[in-house]
Amino acid sequence: MIRVCKTCREEKDLAQFPAHPYCIAGHLWHCRACVSEKAKAAYQTNKQRAIERAKSWALANPEKVRAIKKKSAEKLLISRRSIRTLQARIRRAANLPKFRLYGIIAAARRRAREAAAKGKISRFSYAAILRSANGFCQYCGLPSKALALDHIVPLSKGGRNSSNNLMPCCKSCNSKKGVRELSDWLDREYGVLGLARAVWFMENRKSLPENSS
């Protein structure tokens, strides 16, 4: 529905006119822009009077003032939280490989902590082990975007939390192996090639320090 503003004489959609219960079609005959300009001009003309009237109302209605301030603070808090959440998502999207690496390292450290395993490895050593795999599972030999760190000798069977006891592998192989003996499981799943791949990786990766971070 189109209506002509009585102030600026422009044809505008009805939604551009403020709602009013006593006007035709429930809207004023003056558009929002014109009403806003008129209100600003009136305030500037009687600025001191408007300020005094606002102060008087605030003194007479302290409960309402507190309610308005509380509502405004809640809106501001929600807005700030939304901004922080959005910023975190943007950072994560821009640094996805780094966040994935941190997640894998945190999971490995948590498992070692829960099992009260002997030995400590720095975050640098964890990251170096993962990077040395070049994005390939060292069990099945297939590429993987999210490698996991498997303890060759399971922590539940007395395995140490050391760089020599860690193997980068895909999540599928990590789940399949579980707490099984590595040599028997690899021979059954991938044969001699799987065993050779794991042995080659363990012999050729660089020696890494096992200090705590």
C-alpha atoms as a PDB file:
ATOM      1  CA  MET A   1       0.000   0.000   0.000  1.00  0.00           C
ATOM      2  CA  ILE A   2       1.325   3.432  -1.014  1.00  0.00           C
ATOM      3  CA  ARG A   3       0.759   6.644   0.949  1.00  0.00           C
ATOM      4  CA  VAL A   4       1.791  10.274   0.309  1.00  0.00           C
ATOM      5  CA  CYS A   5       3.633  11.962   3.178  1.00  0.00           C
ATOM      6  CA  LYS A   6       1.957  15.269   4.133  1.00  0.00           C
ATOM      7  CA  THR A   7       5.335  16.839   4.968  1.00  0.00           C
ATOM      8  CA  CYS A   8       7.703  15.891   2.152  1.00  0.00           C
ATOM      9  CA  ARG A   9       4.897  15.028  -0.351  1.00  0.00           C
ATOM     10  CA  GLU A  10       6.677  11.842  -1.435  1.00  0.00           C
ATOM     11  CA  GLU A  11       4.958   8.553  -2.172  1.00  0.00           C
ATOM     12  CA  LYS A  12       6.224   5.839   0.146  1.00  0.00           C
ATOM     13  CA  ASP A  13       5.311   2.351   1.240  1.00  0.00           C
ATOM     14  CA  LEU A  14       2.972   2.191   4.256  1.00  0.00           C
ATOM     15  CA  ALA A  15       5.716   0.492   6.287  1.00  0.00           C
ATOM     16  CA  GLN A  16       7.695   3.766   6.129  1.00  0.00           C
ATOM     17  CA  PHE A  17       5.014   5.512   8.246  1.00  0.00           C
ATOM     18  CA  PRO A  18       4.961   5.129  12.078  1.00  0.00           C
ATOM     19  CA  ALA A  19       2.102   3.091  13.503  1.00  0.00           C
ATOM     20  CA  HIS A  20      -0.721   4.949  15.250  1.00  0.00           C
ATOM     21  CA  PRO A  21      -3.978   3.356  16.504  1.00  0.00           C
ATOM     22  CA  TYR A  22      -6.205   6.362  15.735  1.00  0.00           C
ATOM     23  CA  CYS A  23      -5.122   7.039  12.151  1.00  0.00           C
ATOM     24  CA  ILE A  24      -6.449   5.535   8.911  1.00  0.00           C
ATOM     25  CA  ALA A  25      -4.874   2.115   8.246  1.00  0.00           C
ATOM     26  CA  GLY A  26      -3.156   2.389  11.650  1.00  0.00           C
ATOM     27  CA  HIS A  27      -0.323   4.681  10.499  1.00  0.00           C
ATOM     28  CA  LEU A  28       0.487   8.402  10.673  1.00  0.00           C
ATOM     29  CA  TRP A  29       0.317  10.635   7.568  1.00  0.00           C
ATOM     30  CA  HIS A  30       3.950  11.712   8.068  1.00  0.00           C
ATOM     31  CA  CYS A  31       6.825   9.350   7.155  1.00  0.00           C
ATOM     32  CA  ARG A  32       9.440   8.193   9.679  1.00  0.00           C
ATOM     33  CA  ALA A  33      12.151  10.446   8.218  1.00  0.00           C
ATOM     34  CA  CYS A  34       9.993  13.569   8.518  1.00  0.00           C
ATOM     35  CA  VAL A  35       8.826  12.677  12.041  1.00  0.00           C
ATOM     36  CA  SER A  36      12.455  12.124  13.077  1.00  0.00           C
ATOM     37  CA  GLU A  37      13.567  15.470  11.614  1.00  0.00           C
ATOM     38  CA  LYS A  38      10.690  17.276  13.325  1.00  0.00           C
ATOM     39  CA  ALA A  39      11.538  15.689  16.683  1.00  0.00           C
ATOM     40  CA  LYS A  40      15.231  16.651  16.354  1.00  0.00           C
ATOM     41  CA  ALA A  41      14.326  20.242  15.497  1.00  0.00           C
ATOM     42  CA  ALA A  42      11.924  20.459  18.466  1.00  0.00           C
ATOM     43  CA  TYR A  43      14.608  19.092  20.813  1.00  0.00           C
ATOM     44  CA  GLN A  44      17.208  21.615  19.634  1.00  0.00           C
ATOM     45  CA  THR A  45      14.703  24.456  20.054  1.00  0.00           C
ATOM     46  CA  ASN A  46      13.790  23.433  23.611  1.00  0.00           C
ATOM     47  CA  LYS A  47      16.914  21.509  24.614  1.00  0.00           C
ATOM     48  CA  GLN A  48      17.230  22.763  28.198  1.00  0.00           C
ATOM     49  CA  ARG A  49      13.547  22.218  28.870  1.00  0.00           C
ATOM     50  CA  ALA A  50      13.730  18.660  27.491  1.00  0.00           C
ATOM     51  CA  ILE A  51      16.752  17.853  29.668  1.00  0.00           C
ATOM     52  CA  GLU A  52      15.035  19.175  32.804  1.00  0.00           C
ATOM     53  CA  ARG A  53      11.876  17.229  32.004  1.00  0.00           C
ATOM     54  CA  ALA A  54      13.908  14.015  31.542  1.00  0.00           C
ATOM     55  CA  LYS A  55      15.706  14.564  34.865  1.00  0.00           C
ATOM     56  CA  SER A  56      12.400  15.179  36.656  1.00  0.00           C
ATOM     57  CA  TRP A  57      10.891  12.011  35.223  1.00  0.00           C
ATOM     58  CA  ALA A  58      13.988   9.982  36.237  1.00  0.00           C
ATOM     59  CA  LEU A  59      13.781  11.269  39.833  1.00  0.00           C
ATOM     60  CA  ALA A  60      10.079  10.487  39.979  1.00  0.00           C
ATOM     61  CA  ASN A  61      10.460   6.966  38.480  1.00  0.00           C
ATOM     62  CA  PRO A  62      13.638   5.356  39.909  1.00  0.00           C
ATOM     63  CA  GLU A  63      12.320   1.794  39.445  1.00  0.00           C
ATOM     64  CA  LYS A  64      11.627   2.353  35.765  1.00  0.00           C
ATOM     65  CA  VAL A  65      15.060   3.932  35.304  1.00  0.00           C
ATOM     66  CA  ARG A  66      16.735   0.893  36.898  1.00  0.00           C
ATOM     67  CA  ALA A  67      14.701  -1.444  34.677  1.00  0.00           C
ATOM     68  CA  ILE A  68      15.685   0.493  31.538  1.00  0.00           C
ATOM     69  CA  LYS A  69      19.376   0.480  32.537  1.00  0.00           C
ATOM     70  CA  LYS A  70      19.268  -3.257  33.286  1.00  0.00           C
ATOM     71  CA  LYS A  71      17.659  -4.017  29.927  1.00  0.00           C
ATOM     72  CA  SER A  72      20.219  -1.855  28.104  1.00  0.00           C
ATOM     73  CA  ALA A  73      23.094  -3.594  29.923  1.00  0.00           C
ATOM     74  CA  GLU A  74      21.712  -7.023  28.999  1.00  0.00           C
ATOM     75  CA  LYS A  75      21.426  -6.017  25.347  1.00  0.00           C
ATOM     76  CA  LEU A  76      24.987  -4.673  25.387  1.00  0.00           C
ATOM     77  CA  LEU A  77      26.292  -7.876  26.997  1.00  0.00           C
ATOM     78  CA  ILE A  78      24.532 -10.048  24.413  1.00  0.00           C
ATOM     79  CA  SER A  79      25.914  -7.847  21.641  1.00  0.00           C
ATOM     80  CA  ARG A  80      29.473  -8.101  23.004  1.00  0.00           C
ATOM     81  CA  ARG A  81      29.189 -11.878  23.381  1.00  0.00           C
ATOM     82  CA  SER A  82      27.937 -12.178  19.811  1.00  0.00           C
ATOM     83  CA  ILE A  83      30.858 -10.084  18.565  1.00  0.00           C
ATOM     84  CA  ARG A  84      33.379 -12.190  20.523  1.00  0.00           C
ATOM     85  CA  THR A  85      31.808 -15.406  19.210  1.00  0.00           C
ATOM     86  CA  LEU A  86      31.937 -14.114  15.641  1.00  0.00           C
ATOM     87  CA  GLN A  87      35.571 -13.010  16.065  1.00  0.00           C
ATOM     88  CA  ALA A  88      36.500 -16.447  17.430  1.00  0.00           C
ATOM     89  CA  ARG A  89      34.819 -18.163  14.478  1.00  0.00           C
ATOM     90  CA  ILE A  90      36.641 -15.906  12.026  1.00  0.00           C
ATOM     91  CA  ARG A  91      39.989 -16.641  13.710  1.00  0.00           C
ATOM     92  CA  ARG A  92      39.269 -20.360  13.677  1.00  0.00           C
ATOM     93  CA  ALA A  93      38.311 -20.315   9.982  1.00  0.00           C
ATOM     94  CA  ALA A  94      41.439 -18.324   9.110  1.00  0.00           C
ATOM     95  CA  ASN A  95      43.712 -20.674  11.104  1.00  0.00           C
ATOM     96  CA  LEU A  96      41.885 -24.007  10.766  1.00  0.00           C
ATOM     97  CA  PRO A  97      45.020 -26.211  10.383  1.00  0.00           C
ATOM     98  CA  LYS A  98      46.539 -24.672  13.529  1.00  0.00           C
ATOM     99  CA  PHE A  99      43.313 -25.165  15.523  1.00  0.00           C
ATOM    100  CA  ARG A 100      43.112 -28.800  14.364  1.00  0.00           C
ATOM    101  CA  LEU A 101      46.710 -29.319  15.465  1.00  0.00           C
ATOM    102  CA  TYR A 102      45.989 -27.841  18.902  1.00  0.00           C
ATOM    103  CA  GLY A 103      42.927 -30.092  19.245  1.00  0.00           C
ATOM    104  CA  ILE A 104      44.917 -33.252  18.446  1.00  0.00           C
ATOM    105  CA  ILE A 105      47.680 -32.296  20.862  1.00  0.00           C
ATOM    106  CA  ALA A 106      45.161 -31.499  23.633  1.00  0.00           C
ATOM    107  CA  ALA A 107      43.462 -34.901  23.159  1.00  0.00           C
ATOM    108  CA  ALA A 108      46.776 -36.775  23.376  1.00  0.00           C
ATOM    109  CA  ARG A 109      47.849 -34.882  26.496  1.00  0.00           C
ATOM    110  CA  ARG A 110      44.471 -35.481  28.134  1.00  0.00           C
ATOM    111  CA  ARG A 111      44.644 -39.257  27.532  1.00  0.00           C
ATOM    112  CA  ALA A 112      48.136 -39.396  29.014  1.00  0.00           C
ATOM    113  CA  ARG A 113      47.041 -37.370  32.041  1.00  0.00           C
ATOM    114  CA  GLU A 114      43.974 -39.543  32.686  1.00  0.00           C
ATOM    115  CA  ALA A 115      46.055 -42.727  32.442  1.00  0.00           C
ATOM    116  CA  ALA A 116      48.737 -41.271  34.765  1.00  0.00           C
ATOM    117  CA  ALA A 117      51.308 -42.372  32.182  1.00  0.00           C
ATOM    118  CA  LYS A 118      55.010 -41.887  32.752  1.00  0.00           C
ATOM    119  CA  GLY A 119      56.852 -39.363  30.631  1.00  0.00           C
ATOM    120  CA  LYS A 120      56.006 -35.872  29.425  1.00  0.00           C
ATOM    121  CA  ILE A 121      56.180 -34.369  25.947  1.00  0.00           C
ATOM    122  CA  SER A 122      56.221 -30.687  25.029  1.00  0.00           C
ATOM    123  CA  ARG A 123      53.671 -29.211  22.652  1.00  0.00           C
ATOM    124  CA  PHE A 124      56.518 -28.567  20.234  1.00  0.00           C
ATOM    125  CA  SER A 125      57.385 -32.285  20.154  1.00  0.00           C
ATOM    126  CA  TYR A 126      53.756 -33.273  19.619  1.00  0.00           C
ATOM    127  CA  ALA A 127      53.481 -30.835  16.709  1.00  0.00           C
ATOM    128  CA  ALA A 128      56.773 -32.007  15.208  1.00  0.00           C
ATOM    129  CA  ILE A 129      55.612 -35.646  15.250  1.00  0.00           C
ATOM    130  CA  LEU A 130      52.369 -34.732  13.492  1.00  0.00           C
ATOM    131  CA  ARG A 131      54.123 -32.592  10.876  1.00  0.00           C
ATOM    132  CA  SER A 132      56.646 -35.324  10.139  1.00  0.00           C
ATOM    133  CA  ALA A 133      53.790 -37.482   8.823  1.00  0.00           C
ATOM    134  CA  ASN A 134      53.105 -34.923   6.027  1.00  0.00           C
ATOM    135  CA  GLY A 135      49.359 -35.486   6.341  1.00  0.00           C
ATOM    136  CA  PHE A 136      49.487 -39.267   5.794  1.00  0.00           C
ATOM    137  CA  CYS A 137      48.364 -42.027   8.141  1.00  0.00           C
ATOM    138  CA  GLN A 138      51.393 -44.150   9.030  1.00  0.00           C
ATOM    139  CA  TYR A 139      49.249 -47.280   9.351  1.00  0.00           C
ATOM    140  CA  CYS A 140      47.113 -47.372   6.202  1.00  0.00           C
ATOM    141  CA  GLY A 141      49.179 -44.893   4.166  1.00  0.00           C
ATOM    142  CA  LEU A 142      46.166 -42.793   3.127  1.00  0.00           C
ATOM    143  CA  PRO A 143      46.040 -38.974   3.359  1.00  0.00           C
ATOM    144  CA  SER A 144      44.030 -37.505   6.227  1.00  0.00           C
ATOM    145  CA  LYS A 145      43.073 -33.904   7.027  1.00  0.00           C
ATOM    146  CA  ALA A 146      42.805 -34.628  10.768  1.00  0.00           C
ATOM    147  CA  LEU A 147      45.447 -37.033  12.035  1.00  0.00           C
ATOM    148  CA  ALA A 148      45.390 -38.474  15.540  1.00  0.00           C
ATOM    149  CA  LEU A 149      48.290 -39.518  17.770  1.00  0.00           C
ATOM    150  CA  ASP A 150      48.224 -43.200  18.691  1.00  0.00           C
ATOM    151  CA  HIS A 151      50.287 -44.676  21.526  1.00  0.00           C
ATOM    152  CA  ILE A 152      52.011 -47.689  19.977  1.00  0.00           C
ATOM    153  CA  VAL A 153      52.079 -49.465  23.342  1.00  0.00           C
ATOM    154  CA  PRO A 154      48.705 -48.460  24.874  1.00  0.00           C
ATOM    155  CA  LEU A 155      48.814 -46.351  28.004  1.00  0.00           C
ATOM    156  CA  SER A 156      46.424 -48.821  29.652  1.00  0.00           C
ATOM    157  CA  LYS A 157      49.080 -51.526  29.220  1.00  0.00           C
ATOM    158  CA  GLY A 158      51.905 -49.514  30.719  1.00  0.00           C
ATOM    159  CA  GLY A 159      53.014 -47.634  27.620  1.00  0.00           C
ATOM    160  CA  ARG A 160      55.022 -44.445  28.148  1.00  0.00           C
ATOM    161  CA  ASN A 161      53.929 -41.014  27.035  1.00  0.00           C
ATOM    162  CA  SER A 162      57.087 -40.475  24.974  1.00  0.00           C
ATOM    163  CA  SER A 163      57.824 -39.408  21.405  1.00  0.00           C
ATOM    164  CA  ASN A 164      59.086 -42.914  20.565  1.00  0.00           C
ATOM    165  CA  ASN A 165      55.716 -44.344  21.585  1.00  0.00           C
ATOM    166  CA  LEU A 166      53.593 -42.042  19.388  1.00  0.00           C
ATOM    167  CA  MET A 167      52.439 -42.694  15.840  1.00  0.00           C
ATOM    168  CA  PRO A 168      50.462 -40.255  13.631  1.00  0.00           C
ATOM    169  CA  CYS A 169      47.485 -42.044  12.135  1.00  0.00           C
ATOM    170  CA  CYS A 170      43.978 -41.392  10.843  1.00  0.00           C
ATOM    171  CA  LYS A 171      41.070 -41.558  13.255  1.00  0.00           C
ATOM    172  CA  SER A 172      39.760 -44.716  11.600  1.00  0.00           C
ATOM    173  CA  CYS A 173      43.006 -46.640  12.195  1.00  0.00           C
ATOM    174  CA  ASN A 174      43.298 -45.227  15.700  1.00  0.00           C
ATOM    175  CA  SER A 175      39.817 -46.542  16.546  1.00  0.00           C
ATOM    176  CA  LYS A 176      40.415 -49.929  14.887  1.00  0.00           C
ATOM    177  CA  LYS A 177      43.697 -50.542  16.682  1.00  0.00           C
ATOM    178  CA  GLY A 178      42.387 -49.626  20.115  1.00  0.00           C
ATOM    179  CA  VAL A 179      44.523 -51.408  22.735  1.00  0.00           C
ATOM    180  CA  ARG A 180      45.666 -54.206  20.442  1.00  0.00           C
ATOM    181  CA  GLU A 181      49.305 -55.164  19.898  1.00  0.00           C
ATOM    182  CA  LEU A 182      50.595 -53.052  17.007  1.00  0.00           C
ATOM    183  CA  SER A 183      52.538 -55.701  15.096  1.00  0.00           C
ATOM    184  CA  ASP A 184      49.701 -58.264  15.171  1.00  0.00           C
ATOM    185  CA  TRP A 185      47.051 -55.685  14.269  1.00  0.00           C
ATOM    186  CA  LEU A 186      49.079 -54.172  11.410  1.00  0.00           C
ATOM    187  CA  ASP A 187      49.925 -57.603   9.990  1.00  0.00           C
ATOM    188  CA  ARG A 188      46.267 -58.588  10.008  1.00  0.00           C
ATOM    189  CA  GLU A 189      44.949 -55.279   8.604  1.00  0.00           C
ATOM    190  CA  TYR A 190      47.619 -54.182   6.111  1.00  0.00           C
ATOM    191  CA  GLY A 191      50.105 -57.039   5.909  1.00  0.00           C
ATOM    192  CA  VAL A 192      53.849 -56.648   5.443  1.00  0.00           C
ATOM    193  CA  LEU A 193      53.413 -53.237   3.766  1.00  0.00           C
ATOM    194  CA  GLY A 194      51.724 -51.803   6.840  1.00  0.00           C
ATOM    195  CA  LEU A 195      54.480 -53.100   9.126  1.00  0.00           C
ATOM    196  CA  ALA A 196      57.197 -51.752   6.818  1.00  0.00           C
ATOM    197  CA  ARG A 197      55.529 -48.331   6.667  1.00  0.00           C
ATOM    198  CA  ALA A 198      55.338 -48.022  10.472  1.00  0.00           C
ATOM    199  CA  VAL A 199      58.916 -49.256  10.999  1.00  0.00           C
ATOM    200  CA  TRP A 200      60.267 -46.883   8.338  1.00  0.00           C
ATOM    201  CA  PHE A 201      58.540 -43.912   9.993  1.00  0.00           C
ATOM    202  CA  MET A 202      59.866 -44.778  13.453  1.00  0.00           C
ATOM    203  CA  GLU A 203      63.426 -45.225  12.183  1.00  0.00           C
ATOM    204  CA  ASN A 204      63.537 -42.115   9.994  1.00  0.00           C
ATOM    205  CA  ARG A 205      61.802 -39.449  12.049  1.00  0.00           C
ATOM    206  CA  LYS A 206      64.012 -37.016  13.886  1.00  0.00           C
ATOM    207  CA  SER A 207      64.843 -37.528  17.542  1.00  0.00           C
ATOM    208  CA  LEU A 208      62.646 -35.192  19.622  1.00  0.00           C
ATOM    209  CA  PRO A 209      63.062 -33.895  23.181  1.00  0.00           C
ATOM    210  CA  GLU A 210      60.589 -35.188  25.763  1.00  0.00           C
ATOM    211  CA  ASN A 211      60.498 -32.242  28.132  1.00  0.00           C
ATOM    212  CA  SER A 212      57.269 -30.901  29.608  1.00  0.00           C
ATOM    213  CA  SER A 213      55.773 -27.604  28.400  1.00  0.00           C
END
